[in-house]
Amino acid sequence: MADSVYRVTELVGTSSTSWEAAAKSAIETASKSLRDLRVAEVVRQDVTIEDGKVATYRVRLNVSFKYEGTTTAAKGRGKR
């Protein structure tokens, strides 16, 4: 297996129903603009409270994705 490099970025997902839905929302939204997502680690969970009740579930995730190799064609477009 060749050596690889991964980027880790932080996401925050929200949901009015659950932490699981908040995480799913964050990952599904990120996957629209980031390719090859690999791992998501839940770093923090919290809730917002309104009128004494849970209003929003929030999940902070560290998500990793693999850097793509640099090609001759990609160099011309400034991608790495």
PDB file of N, CA and C in Angstrom:
ATOM      1  N   MET A   1       0.848  -1.177   0.000  1.00  0.00           N
ATOM      2  CA  MET A   1       0.000   0.000   0.000  1.00  0.00           C
ATOM      3  C   MET A   1       0.896   1.244   0.000  1.00  0.00           C
ATOM      4  N   ALA A   2       0.589   2.191  -0.846  1.00  0.00           N
ATOM      5  CA  ALA A   2       1.351   3.434  -0.921  1.00  0.00           C
ATOM      6  C   ALA A   2       1.038   4.319   0.279  1.00  0.00           C
ATOM      7  N   ASP A   3       2.016   5.156   0.628  1.00  0.00           N
ATOM      8  CA  ASP A   3       1.782   6.117   1.697  1.00  0.00           C
ATOM      9  C   ASP A   3       0.695   7.096   1.272  1.00  0.00           C
ATOM     10  N   SER A   4      -0.074   7.602   2.219  1.00  0.00           N
ATOM     11  CA  SER A   4      -1.170   8.514   1.923  1.00  0.00           C
ATOM     12  C   SER A   4      -1.117   9.715   2.848  1.00  0.00           C
ATOM     13  N   VAL A   5      -1.767  10.776   2.424  1.00  0.00           N
ATOM     14  CA  VAL A   5      -1.894  11.981   3.243  1.00  0.00           C
ATOM     15  C   VAL A   5      -3.373  12.313   3.339  1.00  0.00           C
ATOM     16  N   TYR A   6      -3.811  12.619   4.547  1.00  0.00           N
ATOM     17  CA  TYR A   6      -5.211  12.941   4.780  1.00  0.00           C
ATOM     18  C   TYR A   6      -5.322  14.330   5.387  1.00  0.00           C
ATOM     19  N   ARG A   7      -6.373  15.008   5.044  1.00  0.00           N
ATOM     20  CA  ARG A   7      -6.696  16.311   5.639  1.00  0.00           C
ATOM     21  C   ARG A   7      -7.797  16.068   6.655  1.00  0.00           C
ATOM     22  N   VAL A   8      -7.729  16.731   7.791  1.00  0.00           N
ATOM     23  CA  VAL A   8      -8.785  16.655   8.797  1.00  0.00           C
ATOM     24  C   VAL A   8      -9.383  18.051   8.926  1.00  0.00           C
ATOM     25  N   THR A   9     -10.689  18.115   8.819  1.00  0.00           N
ATOM     26  CA  THR A   9     -11.371  19.394   8.950  1.00  0.00           C
ATOM     27  C   THR A   9     -12.534  19.239   9.924  1.00  0.00           C
ATOM     28  N   GLU A  10     -12.902  20.326  10.550  1.00  0.00           N
ATOM     29  CA  GLU A  10     -13.965  20.290  11.553  1.00  0.00           C
ATOM     30  C   GLU A  10     -15.288  20.733  10.941  1.00  0.00           C
ATOM     31  N   LEU A  11     -16.333  20.002  11.259  1.00  0.00           N
ATOM     32  CA  LEU A  11     -17.693  20.323  10.827  1.00  0.00           C
ATOM     33  C   LEU A  11     -18.599  20.397  12.047  1.00  0.00           C
ATOM     34  N   VAL A  12     -19.644  21.194  11.948  1.00  0.00           N
ATOM     35  CA  VAL A  12     -20.684  21.215  12.979  1.00  0.00           C
ATOM     36  C   VAL A  12     -22.009  20.970  12.285  1.00  0.00           C
ATOM     37  N   GLY A  13     -22.698  19.913  12.701  1.00  0.00           N
ATOM     38  CA  GLY A  13     -24.020  19.605  12.165  1.00  0.00           C
ATOM     39  C   GLY A  13     -25.072  19.892  13.205  1.00  0.00           C
ATOM     40  N   THR A  14     -26.254  20.280  12.749  1.00  0.00           N
ATOM     41  CA  THR A  14     -27.365  20.556  13.672  1.00  0.00           C
ATOM     42  C   THR A  14     -28.607  19.808  13.233  1.00  0.00           C
ATOM     43  N   SER A  15     -29.467  19.536  14.187  1.00  0.00           N
ATOM     44  CA  SER A  15     -30.737  18.870  13.918  1.00  0.00           C
ATOM     45  C   SER A  15     -31.712  19.185  15.044  1.00  0.00           C
ATOM     46  N   SER A  16     -32.962  19.231  14.705  1.00  0.00           N
ATOM     47  CA  SER A  16     -33.987  19.425  15.735  1.00  0.00           C
ATOM     48  C   SER A  16     -34.447  18.091  16.327  1.00  0.00           C
ATOM     49  N   THR A  17     -33.921  16.958  15.790  1.00  0.00           N
ATOM     50  CA  THR A  17     -34.401  15.656  16.256  1.00  0.00           C
ATOM     51  C   THR A  17     -33.406  14.829  17.056  1.00  0.00           C
ATOM     52  N   SER A  18     -32.105  14.827  16.666  1.00  0.00           N
ATOM     53  CA  SER A  18     -31.145  13.974  17.380  1.00  0.00           C
ATOM     54  C   SER A  18     -29.709  14.313  17.014  1.00  0.00           C
ATOM     55  N   TRP A  19     -28.763  13.814  17.840  1.00  0.00           N
ATOM     56  CA  TRP A  19     -27.352  13.968  17.526  1.00  0.00           C
ATOM     57  C   TRP A  19     -26.991  13.163  16.282  1.00  0.00           C
ATOM     58  N   GLU A  20     -27.591  11.990  16.142  1.00  0.00           N
ATOM     59  CA  GLU A  20     -27.319  11.159  14.967  1.00  0.00           C
ATOM     60  C   GLU A  20     -27.723  11.891  13.685  1.00  0.00           C
ATOM     61  N   ALA A  21     -28.883  12.524  13.704  1.00  0.00           N
ATOM     62  CA  ALA A  21     -29.347  13.273  12.532  1.00  0.00           C
ATOM     63  C   ALA A  21     -28.442  14.474  12.264  1.00  0.00           C
ATOM     64  N   ALA A  22     -27.928  15.082  13.313  1.00  0.00           N
ATOM     65  CA  ALA A  22     -27.016  16.218  13.153  1.00  0.00           C
ATOM     66  C   ALA A  22     -25.716  15.772  12.482  1.00  0.00           C
ATOM     67  N   ALA A  23     -25.171  14.635  12.914  1.00  0.00           N
ATOM     68  CA  ALA A  23     -23.946  14.101  12.311  1.00  0.00           C
ATOM     69  C   ALA A  23     -24.192  13.721  10.859  1.00  0.00           C
ATOM     70  N   LYS A  24     -25.295  13.064  10.600  1.00  0.00           N
ATOM     71  CA  LYS A  24     -25.635  12.644   9.233  1.00  0.00           C
ATOM     72  C   LYS A  24     -25.770  13.854   8.317  1.00  0.00           C
ATOM     73  N   SER A  25     -26.407  14.884   8.793  1.00  0.00           N
ATOM     74  CA  SER A  25     -26.580  16.101   8.010  1.00  0.00           C
ATOM     75  C   SER A  25     -25.240  16.739   7.657  1.00  0.00           C
ATOM     76  N   ALA A  26     -24.347  16.817   8.628  1.00  0.00           N
ATOM     77  CA  ALA A  26     -23.029  17.416   8.389  1.00  0.00           C
ATOM     78  C   ALA A  26     -22.254  16.622   7.349  1.00  0.00           C
ATOM     79  N   ILE A  27     -22.257  15.308   7.469  1.00  0.00           N
ATOM     80  CA  ILE A  27     -21.507  14.464   6.543  1.00  0.00           C
ATOM     81  C   ILE A  27     -22.110  14.504   5.145  1.00  0.00           C
ATOM     82  N   GLU A  28     -23.417  14.417   5.049  1.00  0.00           N
ATOM     83  CA  GLU A  28     -24.056  14.440   3.737  1.00  0.00           C
ATOM     84  C   GLU A  28     -23.860  15.787   3.040  1.00  0.00           C
ATOM     85  N   THR A  29     -23.891  16.869   3.793  1.00  0.00           N
ATOM     86  CA  THR A  29     -23.658  18.188   3.206  1.00  0.00           C
ATOM     87  C   THR A  29     -22.205  18.323   2.752  1.00  0.00           C
ATOM     88  N   ALA A  30     -21.265  17.895   3.589  1.00  0.00           N
ATOM     89  CA  ALA A  30     -19.844  17.979   3.234  1.00  0.00           C
ATOM     90  C   ALA A  30     -19.522  17.127   2.013  1.00  0.00           C
ATOM     91  N   SER A  31     -20.176  15.983   1.887  1.00  0.00           N
ATOM     92  CA  SER A  31     -19.876  15.080   0.766  1.00  0.00           C
ATOM     93  C   SER A  31     -20.278  15.667  -0.586  1.00  0.00           C
ATOM     94  N   LYS A  32     -21.055  16.727  -0.582  1.00  0.00           N
ATOM     95  CA  LYS A  32     -21.426  17.382  -1.839  1.00  0.00           C
ATOM     96  C   LYS A  32     -20.266  18.188  -2.418  1.00  0.00           C
ATOM     97  N   SER A  33     -19.334  18.623  -1.564  1.00  0.00           N
ATOM     98  CA  SER A  33     -18.207  19.416  -2.061  1.00  0.00           C
ATOM     99  C   SER A  33     -16.842  18.792  -1.759  1.00  0.00           C
ATOM    100  N   LEU A  34     -16.779  17.810  -0.887  1.00  0.00           N
ATOM    101  CA  LEU A  34     -15.522  17.122  -0.582  1.00  0.00           C
ATOM    102  C   LEU A  34     -15.626  15.681  -1.063  1.00  0.00           C
ATOM    103  N   ARG A  35     -14.594  15.234  -1.782  1.00  0.00           N
ATOM    104  CA  ARG A  35     -14.608  13.857  -2.275  1.00  0.00           C
ATOM    105  C   ARG A  35     -13.816  12.952  -1.349  1.00  0.00           C
ATOM    106  N   ASP A  36     -14.173  11.693  -1.394  1.00  0.00           N
ATOM    107  CA  ASP A  36     -13.409  10.638  -0.729  1.00  0.00           C
ATOM    108  C   ASP A  36     -13.315  10.834   0.783  1.00  0.00           C
ATOM    109  N   LEU A  37     -14.442  11.183   1.409  1.00  0.00           N
ATOM    110  CA  LEU A  37     -14.476  11.263   2.878  1.00  0.00           C
ATOM    111  C   LEU A  37     -14.173   9.888   3.444  1.00  0.00           C
ATOM    112  N   ARG A  38     -13.383   9.841   4.501  1.00  0.00           N
ATOM    113  CA  ARG A  38     -12.938   8.557   5.039  1.00  0.00           C
ATOM    114  C   ARG A  38     -13.488   8.250   6.429  1.00  0.00           C
ATOM    115  N   VAL A  39     -13.264   9.163   7.374  1.00  0.00           N
ATOM    116  CA  VAL A  39     -13.612   8.906   8.770  1.00  0.00           C
ATOM    117  C   VAL A  39     -14.191  10.174   9.374  1.00  0.00           C
ATOM    118  N   ALA A  40     -15.200  10.009  10.211  1.00  0.00           N
ATOM    119  CA  ALA A  40     -15.738  11.131  10.980  1.00  0.00           C
ATOM    120  C   ALA A  40     -15.687  10.745  12.455  1.00  0.00           C
ATOM    121  N   GLU A  41     -15.086  11.611  13.252  1.00  0.00           N
ATOM    122  CA  GLU A  41     -14.962  11.379  14.684  1.00  0.00           C
ATOM    123  C   GLU A  41     -15.779  12.435  15.423  1.00  0.00           C
ATOM    124  N   VAL A  42     -16.709  11.999  16.251  1.00  0.00           N
ATOM    125  CA  VAL A  42     -17.487  12.936  17.048  1.00  0.00           C
ATOM    126  C   VAL A  42     -16.583  13.470  18.157  1.00  0.00           C
ATOM    127  N   VAL A  43     -16.408  14.785  18.155  1.00  0.00           N
ATOM    128  CA  VAL A  43     -15.528  15.434  19.119  1.00  0.00           C
ATOM    129  C   VAL A  43     -16.327  16.011  20.276  1.00  0.00           C
ATOM    130  N   ARG A  44     -17.523  16.498  19.964  1.00  0.00           N
ATOM    131  CA  ARG A  44     -18.326  17.162  20.986  1.00  0.00           C
ATOM    132  C   ARG A  44     -19.792  17.100  20.608  1.00  0.00           C
ATOM    133  N   GLN A  45     -20.625  16.956  21.607  1.00  0.00           N
ATOM    134  CA  GLN A  45     -22.073  17.010  21.428  1.00  0.00           C
ATOM    135  C   GLN A  45     -22.622  18.037  22.404  1.00  0.00           C
ATOM    136  N   ASP A  46     -23.557  18.850  21.928  1.00  0.00           N
ATOM    137  CA  ASP A  46     -24.239  19.754  22.843  1.00  0.00           C
ATOM    138  C   ASP A  46     -25.635  20.044  22.306  1.00  0.00           C
ATOM    139  N   VAL A  47     -26.389  20.769  23.081  1.00  0.00           N
ATOM    140  CA  VAL A  47     -27.751  21.134  22.685  1.00  0.00           C
ATOM    141  C   VAL A  47     -27.960  22.616  22.973  1.00  0.00           C
ATOM    142  N   THR A  48     -28.871  23.205  22.208  1.00  0.00           N
ATOM    143  CA  THR A  48     -29.334  24.548  22.553  1.00  0.00           C
ATOM    144  C   THR A  48     -30.677  24.375  23.249  1.00  0.00           C
ATOM    145  N   ILE A  49     -30.956  25.269  24.163  1.00  0.00           N
ATOM    146  CA  ILE A  49     -32.167  25.165  24.983  1.00  0.00           C
ATOM    147  C   ILE A  49     -33.002  26.420  24.806  1.00  0.00           C
ATOM    148  N   GLU A  50     -34.280  26.213  24.569  1.00  0.00           N
ATOM    149  CA  GLU A  50     -35.233  27.324  24.482  1.00  0.00           C
ATOM    150  C   GLU A  50     -36.450  26.982  25.333  1.00  0.00           C
ATOM    151  N   ASP A  51     -36.843  27.901  26.186  1.00  0.00           N
ATOM    152  CA  ASP A  51     -38.006  27.709  27.068  1.00  0.00           C
ATOM    153  C   ASP A  51     -37.914  26.414  27.873  1.00  0.00           C
ATOM    154  N   GLY A  52     -36.707  26.092  28.325  1.00  0.00           N
ATOM    155  CA  GLY A  52     -36.517  24.914  29.164  1.00  0.00           C
ATOM    156  C   GLY A  52     -36.540  23.588  28.426  1.00  0.00           C
ATOM    157  N   LYS A  53     -36.536  23.614  27.088  1.00  0.00           N
ATOM    158  CA  LYS A  53     -36.568  22.381  26.305  1.00  0.00           C
ATOM    159  C   LYS A  53     -35.436  22.383  25.279  1.00  0.00           C
ATOM    160  N   VAL A  54     -35.015  21.181  24.904  1.00  0.00           N
ATOM    161  CA  VAL A  54     -33.979  21.058  23.874  1.00  0.00           C
ATOM    162  C   VAL A  54     -34.542  21.556  22.550  1.00  0.00           C
ATOM    163  N   ALA A  55     -33.850  22.534  21.962  1.00  0.00           N
ATOM    164  CA  ALA A  55     -34.289  23.089  20.680  1.00  0.00           C
ATOM    165  C   ALA A  55     -33.484  22.505  19.519  1.00  0.00           C
ATOM    166  N   THR A  56     -32.165  22.375  19.714  1.00  0.00           N
ATOM    167  CA  THR A  56     -31.299  21.909  18.636  1.00  0.00           C
ATOM    168  C   THR A  56     -30.202  21.018  19.187  1.00  0.00           C
ATOM    169  N   TYR A  57     -29.993  19.895  18.526  1.00  0.00           N
ATOM    170  CA  TYR A  57     -28.856  19.019  18.822  1.00  0.00           C
ATOM    171  C   TYR A  57     -27.709  19.439  17.909  1.00  0.00           C
ATOM    172  N   ARG A  58     -26.510  19.557  18.488  1.00  0.00           N
ATOM    173  CA  ARG A  58     -25.350  19.939  17.687  1.00  0.00           C
ATOM    174  C   ARG A  58     -24.230  18.926  17.902  1.00  0.00           C
ATOM    175  N   VAL A  59     -23.573  18.575  16.807  1.00  0.00           N
ATOM    176  CA  VAL A  59     -22.451  17.639  16.861  1.00  0.00           C
ATOM    177  C   VAL A  59     -21.263  18.271  16.155  1.00  0.00           C
ATOM    178  N   ARG A  60     -20.135  18.280  16.836  1.00  0.00           N
ATOM    179  CA  ARG A  60     -18.888  18.734  16.218  1.00  0.00           C
ATOM    180  C   ARG A  60     -18.115  17.491  15.797  1.00  0.00           C
ATOM    181  N   LEU A  61     -17.721  17.438  14.524  1.00  0.00           N
ATOM    182  CA  LEU A  61     -17.047  16.273  13.953  1.00  0.00           C
ATOM    183  C   LEU A  61     -15.697  16.671  13.374  1.00  0.00           C
ATOM    184  N   ASN A  62     -14.709  15.809  13.521  1.00  0.00           N
ATOM    185  CA  ASN A  62     -13.478  15.898  12.744  1.00  0.00           C
ATOM    186  C   ASN A  62     -13.639  14.898  11.609  1.00  0.00           C
ATOM    187  N   VAL A  63     -13.591  15.389  10.386  1.00  0.00           N
ATOM    188  CA  VAL A  63     -13.790  14.549   9.212  1.00  0.00           C
ATOM    189  C   VAL A  63     -12.499  14.517   8.419  1.00  0.00           C
ATOM    190  N   SER A  64     -12.083  13.316   7.993  1.00  0.00           N
ATOM    191  CA  SER A  64     -10.864  13.220   7.197  1.00  0.00           C
ATOM    192  C   SER A  64     -11.192  12.806   5.768  1.00  0.00           C
ATOM    193  N   PHE A  65     -10.368  13.324   4.853  1.00  0.00           N
ATOM    194  CA  PHE A  65     -10.471  12.921   3.457  1.00  0.00           C
ATOM    195  C   PHE A  65      -9.073  12.861   2.874  1.00  0.00           C
ATOM    196  N   LYS A  66      -8.919  12.021   1.880  1.00  0.00           N
ATOM    197  CA  LYS A  66      -7.610  11.760   1.304  1.00  0.00           C
ATOM    198  C   LYS A  66      -7.260  12.818   0.270  1.00  0.00           C
ATOM    199  N   TYR A  67      -6.026  13.341   0.363  1.00  0.00           N
ATOM    200  CA  TYR A  67      -5.540  14.243  -0.673  1.00  0.00           C
ATOM    201  C   TYR A  67      -5.360  13.454  -1.956  1.00  0.00           C
ATOM    202  N   GLU A  68      -5.734  14.052  -3.063  1.00  0.00           N
ATOM    203  CA  GLU A  68      -5.537  13.413  -4.356  1.00  0.00           C
ATOM    204  C   GLU A  68      -4.118  13.675  -4.827  1.00  0.00           C
ATOM    205  N   GLY A  69      -3.585  12.762  -5.605  1.00  0.00           N
ATOM    206  CA  GLY A  69      -2.250  12.935  -6.174  1.00  0.00           C
ATOM    207  C   GLY A  69      -2.244  14.063  -7.184  1.00  0.00           C
ATOM    208  N   THR A  70      -1.096  14.704  -7.342  1.00  0.00           N
ATOM    209  CA  THR A  70      -0.939  15.794  -8.299  1.00  0.00           C
ATOM    210  C   THR A  70      -0.632  15.194  -9.670  1.00  0.00           C
ATOM    211  N   THR A  71      -1.357  15.644 -10.690  1.00  0.00           N
ATOM    212  CA  THR A  71      -1.116  15.200 -12.051  1.00  0.00           C
ATOM    213  C   THR A  71      -0.724  16.393 -12.902  1.00  0.00           C
ATOM    214  N   THR A  72      -0.185  16.132 -14.065  1.00  0.00           N
ATOM    215  CA  THR A  72       0.221  17.204 -14.959  1.00  0.00           C
ATOM    216  C   THR A  72      -0.968  18.087 -15.310  1.00  0.00           C
ATOM    217  N   ALA A  73      -2.115  17.477 -15.618  1.00  0.00           N
ATOM    218  CA  ALA A  73      -3.312  18.245 -15.967  1.00  0.00           C
ATOM    219  C   ALA A  73      -3.792  19.082 -14.793  1.00  0.00           C
ATOM    220  N   ALA A  74      -3.727  18.531 -13.602  1.00  0.00           N
ATOM    221  CA  ALA A  74      -4.188  19.262 -12.422  1.00  0.00           C
ATOM    222  C   ALA A  74      -3.279  20.429 -12.095  1.00  0.00           C
ATOM    223  N   LYS A  75      -1.978  20.323 -12.372  1.00  0.00           N
ATOM    224  CA  LYS A  75      -1.050  21.408 -12.081  1.00  0.00           C
ATOM    225  C   LYS A  75      -1.428  22.665 -12.830  1.00  0.00           C
ATOM    226  N   GLY A  76      -1.903  22.502 -14.048  1.00  0.00           N
ATOM    227  CA  GLY A  76      -2.292  23.655 -14.836  1.00  0.00           C
ATOM    228  C   GLY A  76      -3.509  24.372 -14.289  1.00  0.00           C
ATOM    229  N   ARG A  77      -4.331  23.663 -13.518  1.00  0.00           N
ATOM    230  CA  ARG A  77      -5.546  24.265 -12.945  1.00  0.00           C
ATOM    231  C   ARG A  77      -5.330  24.698 -11.500  1.00  0.00           C
ATOM    232  N   GLY A  78      -4.137  24.501 -10.981  1.00  0.00           N
ATOM    233  CA  GLY A  78      -3.860  24.925  -9.611  1.00  0.00           C
ATOM    234  C   GLY A  78      -4.346  23.947  -8.561  1.00  0.00           C
ATOM    235  N   LYS A  79      -4.744  22.738  -8.944  1.00  0.00           N
ATOM    236  CA  LYS A  79      -5.198  21.749  -7.958  1.00  0.00           C
ATOM    237  C   LYS A  79      -4.032  20.940  -7.449  1.00  0.00           C
ATOM    238  N   ARG A  80      -4.168  20.411  -6.251  1.00  0.00           N
ATOM    239  CA  ARG A  80      -3.165  19.530  -5.671  1.00  0.00           C
ATOM    240  C   ARG A  80      -3.831  18.358  -5.046  1.00  0.00           C
TER     241      ARG A  80
END
